[in-house]
Amino acid sequence: MKKGFLCAGILLLMLIGCATSPGVSGVGGERAPAETETSATPMFYGKAYSKSALEALNASKTQAVRKAVNLLLGQASAAVHSDELNDIFSSNINAYIYGGSLVIIQEGKDKDGHYYEIGVRVDLKAAAGVMKAHDIFGGQVTPGASDLYALTDEPLPTGMETQEDTTVETPAATSKPLPPVVAVSPEEQQKIDEFVGNMTWMVYYNEETEEDPFVMKAAVGSANKYLAGQGYDYIDLRQIESIKQDQELAYEEETGQLVSIIQWIASRLNADIYIEISAATNAKIDGNNYYGSASVVLNNYEASTAEGRGSATYTTIPPAFSTVSTDDAVYNAITSAVYQIMPAAIQQAVQYTKKALTRGIRFDLILYNTSDARLMRDFKRNMERRVKSIETISQSAEETRYVVRIIGDIEDLQDIVYDVADTLPGLQRMDLVYLRGKSITFDTGL
C-alpha cells in the first residue's frame, strides 16, 4: 500500500513538472519567469509569404494553428498523422481560431508578394473535435475523454510587441517599421493634423485576386460609400478605370513598371492614401436560402512611396443571407464586410500617417537649368537649414530633382525656395514653372 502511495506521489510530481513551461527570453534579453498558466484558447504565432495578401494571411494562421495542434496531440502522434492533419487544417482555418483574437505583428509587400507575421488564439476544443471525428488520437486527445483542453501561450516572437484587439480583427502594422516620432512644435502638430484631416483617399482591389471583378468593384463601391458618408475626399472608381484604360502606355514609359499601376495612378491623381482590398468569398445553398461569407483584408499605403500605413481584416460571421441567389448573398457579404472594416482601416492609416509626418510631408522639388553644379550644392546646403530633409534624386545640367520634407503645405515650400534663392548670387531669377499636388517645379534662370 505504501508503495502504491509513493508511486502516485511521484506520478503527481511528474505531471506538475510537465505542466510548468520553462522561462523564455523576453525583449531586451531578460529572462522571463516560468509560465504555468494554461488556456483553452492559447495564443500561437505564425508567419508566411505568398503571392496574395489573403493567401499569406491564411497560411500564417494555419501555421499558428498547427503548432497548437501538434502540442495538443503530442509530437509523436502528430508526426504519424502529418498528411491527414495537413488535409484537415488546409481549409476553413478560421473555424479553429477564437473570434476577434487576430493580431498582426508585421506585414509587408514587395513586387513578388506579401508577408504576414500574426498571432491568434487557437480554439483547442474545435481542433480536438475535428481530430476525434477523423479518429486521430494522442496527447490530450483521447477517446471518451472530456472536452477540457489546455496549453500555455507560445512566447511572443523575440523583439516584437503587440496587443490583442478584442473587438474586430484590426491589426496595426506597416510594411516598414516607422522611425521614432520626432518632436514637433504645437504649430507643426496643428499643420500635421490639418494635413491628415484633408487627405485624399483612393480605394482599389488587388488585381491578383481570383474573385469576380464585379464583386471586387462592388467592394470598392462600398468603401467609397463609407468615405462619402464621412465627408472624406476620395477618387471615384470610374476615374481610376478610365486612366487604366487610356494611359497604360504612359505608365509603362514613365515607370518602367517598377511600381504598380495603381500606385502610379494614386500618385498621378494626388491621392495621399490608397487602400487595396483583397478578399476571398464562399457561398452555400440550404433549400431556398442562400448564404455568402467574405474574408477581406484592407492594406493601406502612402501613395507616393507605397510605404505601409497599417491594415485591417474582417470576416462575415454569421454569413450574409439572400433569398435570391448565391451571387446576391456573396455580394451582400463582401459589401457589408468592407463597410464594417473601413473605420478601422482609416484609423490605422491616420495613426501611422501622423507618426510618419513628424519627419515632414513629402514633396517633389524640380529645378530646370541646373548647369552650375557648385551653385546647386550651395542651394541644397542652404535648403537643409530650412526643411526637415532634402534628398537629391537625380542631377544633370538640364534638370535636378529633390525629395523635400517639410511640415507645411506646398506654398510654404515655394516661399522657402524663393527665400533661399534670394541669398545665392545667380539664383535671384528663380521662377515658378508650375505646381501640381505635391510636386513643384522652378526654372533657375541660369
Protein backbone atom coordinates (compact mmCIF):
# COMPACT_ATOMS: atom_id res chain seq x y z
CA MET A 1 0.00 0.00 0.00
CA LYS A 2 2.80 2.42 0.93
CA LYS A 3 4.48 1.55 -2.34
CA GLY A 4 1.29 2.48 -4.20
CA PHE A 5 1.08 5.88 -2.47
CA LEU A 6 4.75 6.52 -3.28
CA CYS A 7 4.24 5.78 -6.98
CA ALA A 8 1.16 8.01 -7.07
CA GLY A 9 3.10 10.81 -5.42
CA ILE A 10 5.94 10.51 -7.94
CA LEU A 11 3.45 10.49 -10.82
CA LEU A 12 1.76 13.63 -9.44
CA LEU A 13 5.11 15.43 -9.22
CA MET A 14 5.93 14.43 -12.81
CA LEU A 15 2.59 15.78 -14.04
CA ILE A 16 3.14 19.06 -12.21
CA GLY A 17 6.59 19.32 -13.74
CA CYS A 18 5.23 18.71 -17.23
CA ALA A 19 2.56 21.41 -16.77
CA THR A 20 5.17 24.01 -15.97
CA SER A 21 6.73 25.59 -19.04
CA PRO A 22 10.30 26.84 -18.80
CA GLY A 23 11.06 30.57 -18.72
CA VAL A 24 11.79 32.22 -22.05
CA SER A 25 13.95 35.12 -23.04
CA GLY A 26 11.97 38.33 -23.16
CA VAL A 27 12.51 41.52 -25.14
CA GLY A 28 15.82 43.07 -24.25
CA GLY A 29 17.42 39.73 -23.33
CA GLU A 30 15.95 39.47 -19.81
CA ARG A 31 14.76 36.06 -18.77
CA ALA A 32 11.04 35.89 -18.13
CA PRO A 33 9.68 33.98 -15.15
CA ALA A 34 8.36 30.46 -15.66
CA GLU A 35 4.83 30.47 -17.10
CA THR A 36 2.43 28.00 -15.51
CA GLU A 37 -0.99 29.26 -16.64
CA THR A 38 -2.76 27.30 -19.34
CA SER A 39 -5.74 28.19 -21.50
CA ALA A 40 -8.35 26.53 -23.68
CA THR A 41 -7.64 29.30 -26.21
CA PRO A 42 -3.86 29.75 -26.10
CA MET A 43 -2.03 32.31 -28.23
CA PHE A 44 0.16 30.93 -31.03
CA TYR A 45 2.09 32.69 -33.79
CA GLY A 46 2.68 32.06 -37.48
CA LYS A 47 4.35 33.74 -40.45
CA ALA A 48 4.08 33.19 -44.19
CA TYR A 49 4.90 34.71 -47.58
CA SER A 50 2.67 34.32 -50.63
CA LYS A 51 1.67 35.99 -53.88
CA SER A 52 -1.55 37.42 -52.43
CA ALA A 53 -2.18 39.11 -49.10
CA LEU A 54 -5.08 36.80 -48.25
CA GLU A 55 -3.08 33.64 -49.04
CA ALA A 56 -0.20 34.86 -46.85
CA LEU A 57 -2.60 35.72 -44.01
CA ASN A 58 -4.37 32.35 -44.16
CA ALA A 59 -1.05 30.47 -44.38
CA SER A 60 0.25 32.27 -41.29
CA LYS A 61 -2.99 31.41 -39.44
CA THR A 62 -2.62 27.77 -40.48
CA GLN A 63 0.94 27.64 -39.20
CA ALA A 64 -0.13 29.01 -35.82
CA VAL A 65 -3.00 26.53 -35.50
CA ARG A 66 -0.78 23.61 -36.50
CA LYS A 67 1.73 24.49 -33.77
CA ALA A 68 -1.04 24.23 -31.17
CA VAL A 69 -2.44 21.04 -32.75
CA ASN A 70 0.96 19.34 -32.64
CA LEU A 71 1.36 20.12 -28.94
CA LEU A 72 -2.23 19.12 -28.18
CA LEU A 73 -1.83 15.81 -30.00
CA GLY A 74 1.76 15.15 -28.98
CA GLN A 75 4.68 15.41 -31.38
CA ALA A 76 4.91 11.65 -32.00
CA SER A 77 1.25 11.25 -32.96
CA ALA A 78 1.33 14.49 -34.94
CA ALA A 79 4.24 13.15 -37.00
CA VAL A 80 2.41 9.87 -37.72
CA HIS A 81 -0.75 11.71 -38.85
CA SER A 82 1.04 14.61 -40.57
CA ASP A 83 -0.57 14.14 -44.01
CA GLU A 84 -4.07 13.81 -42.54
CA LEU A 85 -3.59 16.91 -40.41
CA ASN A 86 -2.40 18.84 -43.45
CA ASP A 87 -5.64 17.93 -45.25
CA ILE A 88 -7.87 18.71 -42.26
CA PHE A 89 -6.36 22.09 -41.48
CA SER A 90 -5.74 23.25 -45.05
CA SER A 91 -9.13 24.95 -45.35
CA ASN A 92 -11.67 26.79 -43.18
CA ILE A 93 -8.87 27.66 -40.77
CA ASN A 94 -10.98 30.34 -39.07
CA ALA A 95 -13.12 27.54 -37.58
CA TYR A 96 -10.24 26.77 -35.19
CA ILE A 97 -9.46 30.35 -34.21
CA TYR A 98 -11.11 32.21 -31.34
CA GLY A 99 -13.15 35.04 -32.87
CA GLY A 100 -11.62 38.51 -32.81
CA SER A 101 -8.24 37.35 -31.48
CA LEU A 102 -6.11 38.05 -34.57
CA VAL A 103 -3.16 40.38 -34.05
CA ILE A 104 -0.73 41.29 -36.82
CA ILE A 105 2.86 41.73 -35.71
CA GLN A 106 4.30 42.55 -39.12
CA GLU A 107 3.10 42.70 -42.68
CA GLY A 108 4.86 43.68 -45.85
CA LYS A 109 4.64 43.74 -49.61
CA ASP A 110 7.12 43.71 -52.46
CA LYS A 111 6.89 43.12 -56.20
CA ASP A 112 6.79 39.34 -55.67
CA GLY A 113 4.18 39.02 -52.95
CA HIS A 114 3.02 39.64 -49.39
CA TYR A 115 4.35 38.76 -45.95
CA TYR A 116 2.47 38.31 -42.67
CA GLU A 117 3.53 37.51 -39.11
CA ILE A 118 0.49 37.11 -36.89
CA GLY A 119 -0.83 35.76 -33.60
CA VAL A 120 -4.17 34.05 -32.97
CA ARG A 121 -5.89 32.33 -30.07
CA VAL A 122 -6.50 28.72 -31.05
CA ASP A 123 -9.81 27.07 -30.11
CA LEU A 124 -8.47 23.77 -28.76
CA LYS A 125 -11.93 22.25 -28.33
CA ALA A 126 -12.76 22.81 -32.00
CA ALA A 127 -9.37 21.47 -33.13
CA ALA A 128 -9.63 18.37 -30.91
CA GLY A 129 -13.21 17.75 -32.06
CA VAL A 130 -12.27 17.55 -35.73
CA MET A 131 -9.32 15.26 -34.94
CA LYS A 132 -11.58 12.93 -32.96
CA ALA A 133 -14.00 12.87 -35.87
CA HIS A 134 -11.13 11.58 -38.05
CA ASP A 135 -10.02 9.03 -35.41
CA ILE A 136 -6.76 10.85 -34.73
CA PHE A 137 -5.70 10.48 -31.11
CA GLY A 138 -2.71 11.24 -28.94
CA GLY A 139 -1.61 13.53 -26.13
CA GLN A 140 -4.65 15.27 -24.67
CA VAL A 141 -6.89 13.98 -27.47
CA THR A 142 -8.10 10.58 -26.27
CA PRO A 143 -11.30 8.57 -26.94
CA GLY A 144 -14.01 9.19 -24.41
CA ALA A 145 -12.11 11.96 -22.62
CA SER A 146 -13.75 15.22 -21.59
CA ASP A 147 -13.64 18.29 -23.83
CA LEU A 148 -11.32 20.14 -21.45
CA TYR A 149 -8.06 21.01 -23.19
CA ALA A 150 -5.37 23.50 -22.23
CA LEU A 151 -1.97 24.71 -23.40
CA THR A 152 0.31 27.56 -22.42
CA ASP A 153 0.63 30.58 -24.71
CA GLU A 154 3.50 30.47 -27.16
CA PRO A 155 6.06 33.17 -26.22
CA LEU A 156 5.83 36.35 -28.27
CA PRO A 157 8.44 36.29 -31.06
CA THR A 158 11.64 37.92 -29.85
CA GLY A 159 11.76 41.68 -30.30
CA MET A 160 8.08 42.01 -31.17
CA GLU A 161 5.40 43.82 -29.20
CA THR A 162 1.70 43.87 -29.92
CA GLN A 163 -1.72 43.94 -28.31
CA GLU A 164 -4.81 41.88 -28.89
CA ASP A 165 -7.85 43.54 -30.35
CA THR A 166 -10.91 42.10 -28.66
CA THR A 167 -13.50 43.76 -30.89
CA VAL A 168 -12.80 43.20 -34.57
CA GLU A 169 -9.69 42.00 -36.31
CA THR A 170 -7.93 45.31 -36.88
CA PRO A 171 -4.16 44.91 -36.89
CA ALA A 172 -1.80 47.84 -36.54
CA ALA A 173 1.06 47.21 -38.93
CA THR A 174 3.29 48.80 -41.52
CA SER A 175 5.33 47.25 -44.28
CA LYS A 176 8.40 49.08 -42.96
CA PRO A 177 8.81 49.93 -39.27
CA LEU A 178 8.39 53.67 -38.78
CA PRO A 179 11.23 55.57 -37.09
CA PRO A 180 10.61 57.07 -33.65
CA VAL A 181 8.24 60.01 -33.60
CA VAL A 182 10.18 63.26 -33.98
CA ALA A 183 9.34 66.03 -31.53
CA VAL A 184 7.35 68.80 -33.20
CA SER A 185 6.13 72.19 -32.07
CA PRO A 186 2.44 72.89 -31.39
CA GLU A 187 2.28 74.86 -34.66
CA GLU A 188 3.80 71.93 -36.58
CA GLN A 189 1.41 69.47 -34.92
CA GLN A 190 -1.50 71.67 -35.97
CA LYS A 191 -0.28 71.57 -39.58
CA ILE A 192 0.05 67.77 -39.40
CA ASP A 193 -3.49 67.46 -38.06
CA GLU A 194 -4.80 69.73 -40.80
CA PHE A 195 -2.99 67.72 -43.48
CA VAL A 196 -4.33 64.40 -42.17
CA GLY A 197 -7.83 65.82 -41.89
CA ASN A 198 -7.74 66.88 -45.54
CA MET A 199 -6.17 63.75 -47.03
CA THR A 200 -7.50 62.37 -50.32
CA TRP A 201 -8.22 58.63 -50.34
CA MET A 202 -8.22 56.14 -53.19
CA VAL A 203 -9.58 52.59 -52.95
CA TYR A 204 -9.00 49.78 -55.43
CA TYR A 205 -8.90 46.00 -55.32
CA ASN A 206 -5.96 43.62 -55.55
CA GLU A 207 -5.84 42.71 -59.23
CA GLU A 208 -4.27 39.32 -58.46
CA THR A 209 -7.43 38.18 -56.70
CA GLU A 210 -9.37 35.27 -58.15
CA GLU A 211 -12.69 36.79 -57.15
CA ASP A 212 -15.14 38.09 -59.75
CA PRO A 213 -14.12 41.66 -60.73
CA PHE A 214 -17.78 42.67 -60.48
CA VAL A 215 -17.81 41.63 -56.82
CA MET A 216 -14.48 43.36 -56.11
CA LYS A 217 -15.69 46.58 -57.75
CA ALA A 218 -18.75 46.35 -55.51
CA ALA A 219 -16.36 46.15 -52.55
CA VAL A 220 -14.62 49.32 -53.76
CA GLY A 221 -18.00 51.00 -54.13
CA SER A 222 -18.87 50.07 -50.55
CA ALA A 223 -15.60 51.60 -49.30
CA ASN A 224 -16.25 54.79 -51.26
CA LYS A 225 -19.78 54.93 -49.88
CA TYR A 226 -18.33 54.98 -46.39
CA LEU A 227 -15.79 57.68 -47.32
CA ALA A 228 -18.51 59.83 -48.87
CA GLY A 229 -20.75 59.41 -45.85
CA GLN A 230 -17.98 60.61 -43.55
CA GLY A 231 -17.15 63.61 -45.72
CA TYR A 232 -13.71 62.37 -46.87
CA ASP A 233 -12.26 63.40 -50.22
CA TYR A 234 -11.83 60.32 -52.42
CA ILE A 235 -11.14 59.35 -56.01
CA ASP A 236 -14.03 57.75 -57.86
CA LEU A 237 -13.66 54.24 -59.26
CA ARG A 238 -14.65 55.37 -62.75
CA GLN A 239 -11.76 57.84 -62.83
CA ILE A 240 -9.30 55.08 -61.90
CA GLU A 241 -10.70 52.74 -64.55
CA SER A 242 -10.51 55.46 -67.18
CA ILE A 243 -6.83 56.14 -66.52
CA LYS A 244 -6.04 52.42 -66.51
CA GLN A 245 -7.56 52.01 -69.94
CA ASP A 246 -6.29 55.19 -71.59
CA GLN A 247 -2.82 55.72 -70.10
CA GLU A 248 -1.26 52.29 -69.67
CA LEU A 249 1.41 53.15 -72.27
CA ALA A 250 2.30 56.36 -70.43
CA TYR A 251 2.56 54.36 -67.19
CA GLU A 252 4.99 51.87 -68.77
CA GLU A 253 7.14 54.62 -70.31
CA GLU A 254 7.24 56.70 -67.14
CA THR A 255 7.83 53.96 -64.55
CA GLY A 256 9.27 51.02 -66.47
CA GLN A 257 6.69 49.03 -64.47
CA LEU A 258 8.88 49.30 -61.38
CA VAL A 259 5.81 50.36 -59.40
CA SER A 260 2.26 49.07 -59.66
CA ILE A 261 -0.10 50.87 -61.98
CA ILE A 262 -2.42 51.50 -59.03
CA GLN A 263 0.33 53.27 -57.10
CA TRP A 264 1.16 55.28 -60.21
CA ILE A 265 -2.48 56.29 -60.65
CA ALA A 266 -2.80 57.17 -56.96
CA SER A 267 0.23 59.43 -57.18
CA ARG A 268 -0.90 60.91 -60.50
CA LEU A 269 -4.31 61.77 -59.07
CA ASN A 270 -2.69 63.30 -55.95
CA ALA A 271 -4.11 60.74 -53.55
CA ASP A 272 -2.49 60.69 -50.12
CA ILE A 273 -3.51 57.17 -49.10
CA TYR A 274 -4.62 54.31 -51.27
CA ILE A 275 -6.36 51.25 -49.85
CA GLU A 276 -6.01 47.88 -51.57
CA ILE A 277 -8.80 45.35 -50.98
CA SER A 278 -8.06 41.62 -51.01
CA ALA A 279 -10.90 39.16 -50.45
CA ALA A 280 -11.99 35.54 -50.51
CA THR A 281 -15.64 34.53 -50.61
CA ASN A 282 -17.69 31.38 -50.05
CA ALA A 283 -21.31 30.50 -50.75
CA LYS A 284 -23.71 27.69 -49.91
CA ILE A 285 -27.34 26.77 -50.52
CA ASP A 286 -29.78 25.45 -47.90
CA GLY A 287 -33.09 24.73 -49.56
CA ASN A 288 -34.40 28.04 -50.86
CA ASN A 289 -31.98 30.02 -48.74
CA TYR A 290 -28.61 31.27 -49.94
CA TYR A 291 -25.64 32.19 -47.77
CA GLY A 292 -22.43 34.04 -48.54
CA SER A 293 -19.36 34.83 -46.45
CA ALA A 294 -16.34 37.02 -47.14
CA SER A 295 -12.92 37.48 -45.57
CA VAL A 296 -11.39 40.82 -46.51
CA VAL A 297 -8.01 42.44 -45.95
CA LEU A 298 -7.61 46.19 -46.37
CA ASN A 299 -3.98 47.27 -46.77
CA ASN A 300 -3.19 51.00 -46.60
CA TYR A 301 -0.28 52.60 -48.48
CA GLU A 302 1.20 56.06 -48.78
CA ALA A 303 0.52 56.96 -52.41
CA SER A 304 3.88 58.40 -53.44
CA THR A 305 6.16 55.87 -51.72
CA ALA A 306 3.95 52.77 -51.19
CA GLU A 307 5.05 52.66 -47.56
CA GLY A 308 2.61 50.70 -45.41
CA ARG A 309 0.11 52.66 -43.38
CA GLY A 310 -1.49 49.81 -41.44
CA SER A 311 -4.12 47.25 -42.36
CA ALA A 312 -7.37 45.72 -41.14
CA THR A 313 -9.18 42.42 -41.65
CA TYR A 314 -12.76 41.28 -41.28
CA THR A 315 -14.78 38.08 -41.77
CA THR A 316 -18.57 38.00 -42.06
CA ILE A 317 -19.84 35.98 -39.12
CA PRO A 318 -22.59 34.86 -39.43
CA PRO A 319 -22.80 34.61 -43.24
CA ALA A 320 -24.91 37.05 -45.24
CA PHE A 321 -28.34 35.78 -46.28
CA SER A 322 -30.31 36.06 -49.51
CA THR A 323 -33.48 34.54 -50.94
CA VAL A 324 -32.39 35.39 -54.49
CA SER A 325 -29.09 33.63 -55.30
CA THR A 326 -25.63 32.76 -54.01
CA ASP A 327 -24.24 35.64 -56.07
CA ASP A 328 -26.54 38.04 -54.24
CA ALA A 329 -25.51 36.57 -50.87
CA VAL A 330 -21.80 36.93 -51.70
CA TYR A 331 -22.40 40.49 -52.92
CA ASN A 332 -24.11 41.32 -49.63
CA ALA A 333 -21.31 39.67 -47.64
CA ILE A 334 -18.40 41.48 -49.24
CA THR A 335 -20.01 44.92 -49.37
CA SER A 336 -21.04 44.59 -45.73
CA ALA A 337 -17.58 43.36 -44.66
CA VAL A 338 -15.79 46.23 -46.36
CA TYR A 339 -18.18 48.84 -44.99
CA GLN A 340 -17.81 47.44 -41.47
CA ILE A 341 -14.00 47.42 -41.51
CA MET A 342 -13.43 50.80 -43.20
CA PRO A 343 -13.42 52.77 -39.91
CA ALA A 344 -10.65 50.55 -38.55
CA ALA A 345 -8.63 50.80 -41.78
CA ILE A 346 -8.90 54.60 -41.75
CA GLN A 347 -7.95 54.72 -38.08
CA GLN A 348 -4.81 52.71 -38.85
CA ALA A 349 -3.88 54.95 -41.79
CA VAL A 350 -4.37 58.13 -39.77
CA GLN A 351 -2.39 56.82 -36.81
CA TYR A 352 0.62 55.80 -38.87
CA THR A 353 0.48 58.84 -41.14
CA LYS A 354 0.62 61.17 -38.15
CA LYS A 355 3.71 59.34 -36.90
CA ALA A 356 5.36 59.47 -40.31
CA LEU A 357 4.61 63.16 -40.80
CA THR A 358 6.67 64.17 -37.79
CA ARG A 359 9.53 63.63 -40.26
CA GLY A 360 7.84 66.06 -42.63
CA ILE A 361 5.39 65.95 -45.51
CA ARG A 362 6.99 64.69 -48.71
CA PHE A 363 7.19 66.98 -51.77
CA ASP A 364 8.93 66.64 -55.13
CA LEU A 365 11.05 69.69 -55.99
CA ILE A 366 12.25 70.00 -59.60
CA LEU A 367 14.65 72.65 -60.91
CA TYR A 368 15.21 73.28 -64.62
CA ASN A 369 18.53 74.60 -65.99
CA THR A 370 20.96 73.45 -63.30
CA SER A 371 24.25 73.63 -65.20
CA ASP A 372 26.23 75.13 -62.28
CA ALA A 373 26.87 72.08 -60.06
CA ARG A 374 28.57 74.12 -57.33
CA LEU A 375 25.65 76.52 -57.13
CA MET A 376 23.26 73.57 -56.84
CA ARG A 377 25.37 72.20 -53.99
CA ASP A 378 25.11 75.55 -52.16
CA PHE A 379 21.37 75.66 -52.83
CA LYS A 380 20.91 72.24 -51.25
CA ARG A 381 23.03 73.13 -48.22
CA ASN A 382 21.00 76.28 -47.58
CA MET A 383 17.76 74.36 -48.05
CA GLU A 384 18.85 71.83 -45.43
CA ARG A 385 18.71 74.58 -42.80
CA ARG A 386 15.08 75.39 -43.64
CA VAL A 387 13.48 71.97 -44.15
CA LYS A 388 13.22 68.65 -42.30
CA SER A 389 15.23 66.91 -45.02
CA ILE A 390 16.20 67.21 -48.67
CA GLU A 391 17.47 64.35 -50.84
CA THR A 392 18.86 64.56 -54.38
CA ILE A 393 17.11 62.08 -56.66
CA SER A 394 18.82 62.98 -59.93
CA GLN A 395 21.06 65.77 -61.20
CA SER A 396 22.10 66.94 -64.67
CA ALA A 397 22.80 70.21 -66.43
CA GLU A 398 19.22 70.30 -67.65
CA GLU A 399 17.35 69.24 -64.54
CA THR A 400 17.79 68.39 -60.85
CA ARG A 401 15.18 66.58 -58.78
CA TYR A 402 14.87 66.56 -55.00
CA VAL A 403 12.59 64.97 -52.42
CA VAL A 404 11.93 67.56 -49.73
CA ARG A 405 10.17 67.03 -46.40
CA ILE A 406 8.67 69.95 -44.52
CA ILE A 407 5.83 70.36 -42.06
CA GLY A 408 3.69 72.66 -44.12
CA ASP A 409 1.97 72.89 -47.49
CA ILE A 410 3.36 73.37 -50.97
CA GLU A 411 3.01 77.15 -50.75
CA ASP A 412 5.29 77.04 -47.70
CA LEU A 413 7.86 75.15 -49.77
CA GLN A 414 7.52 77.71 -52.56
CA ASP A 415 8.31 80.52 -50.09
CA ILE A 416 11.33 78.62 -48.73
CA VAL A 417 12.75 78.11 -52.23
CA TYR A 418 12.40 81.81 -53.05
CA ASP A 419 13.98 82.82 -49.73
CA VAL A 420 16.97 80.52 -50.27
CA ALA A 421 17.37 81.58 -53.92
CA ASP A 422 17.48 85.25 -52.90
CA THR A 423 20.55 84.54 -50.72
CA LEU A 424 22.55 82.93 -53.56
CA PRO A 425 24.06 85.09 -56.32
CA GLY A 426 22.98 83.60 -59.61
CA LEU A 427 19.64 82.27 -58.44
CA GLN A 428 17.77 85.54 -57.91
CA ARG A 429 15.89 84.92 -61.16
CA MET A 430 14.42 81.66 -59.83
CA ASP A 431 10.83 81.48 -61.06
CA LEU A 432 7.89 79.10 -60.67
CA VAL A 433 7.05 76.97 -63.70
CA TYR A 434 4.12 75.00 -62.27
CA LEU A 435 2.90 73.18 -59.22
CA ARG A 436 0.57 70.20 -59.01
CA GLY A 437 -0.38 68.23 -55.95
CA LYS A 438 2.85 67.63 -54.03
CA SER A 439 5.15 68.48 -56.91
CA ILE A 440 6.59 71.94 -57.62
CA THR A 441 8.88 72.99 -60.49
CA PHE A 442 11.09 76.08 -60.89
CA ASP A 443 13.37 77.48 -63.56
CA THR A 444 16.66 78.65 -62.05
CA GLY A 445 17.11 81.40 -64.65
CA LEU A 446 20.70 80.28 -65.35
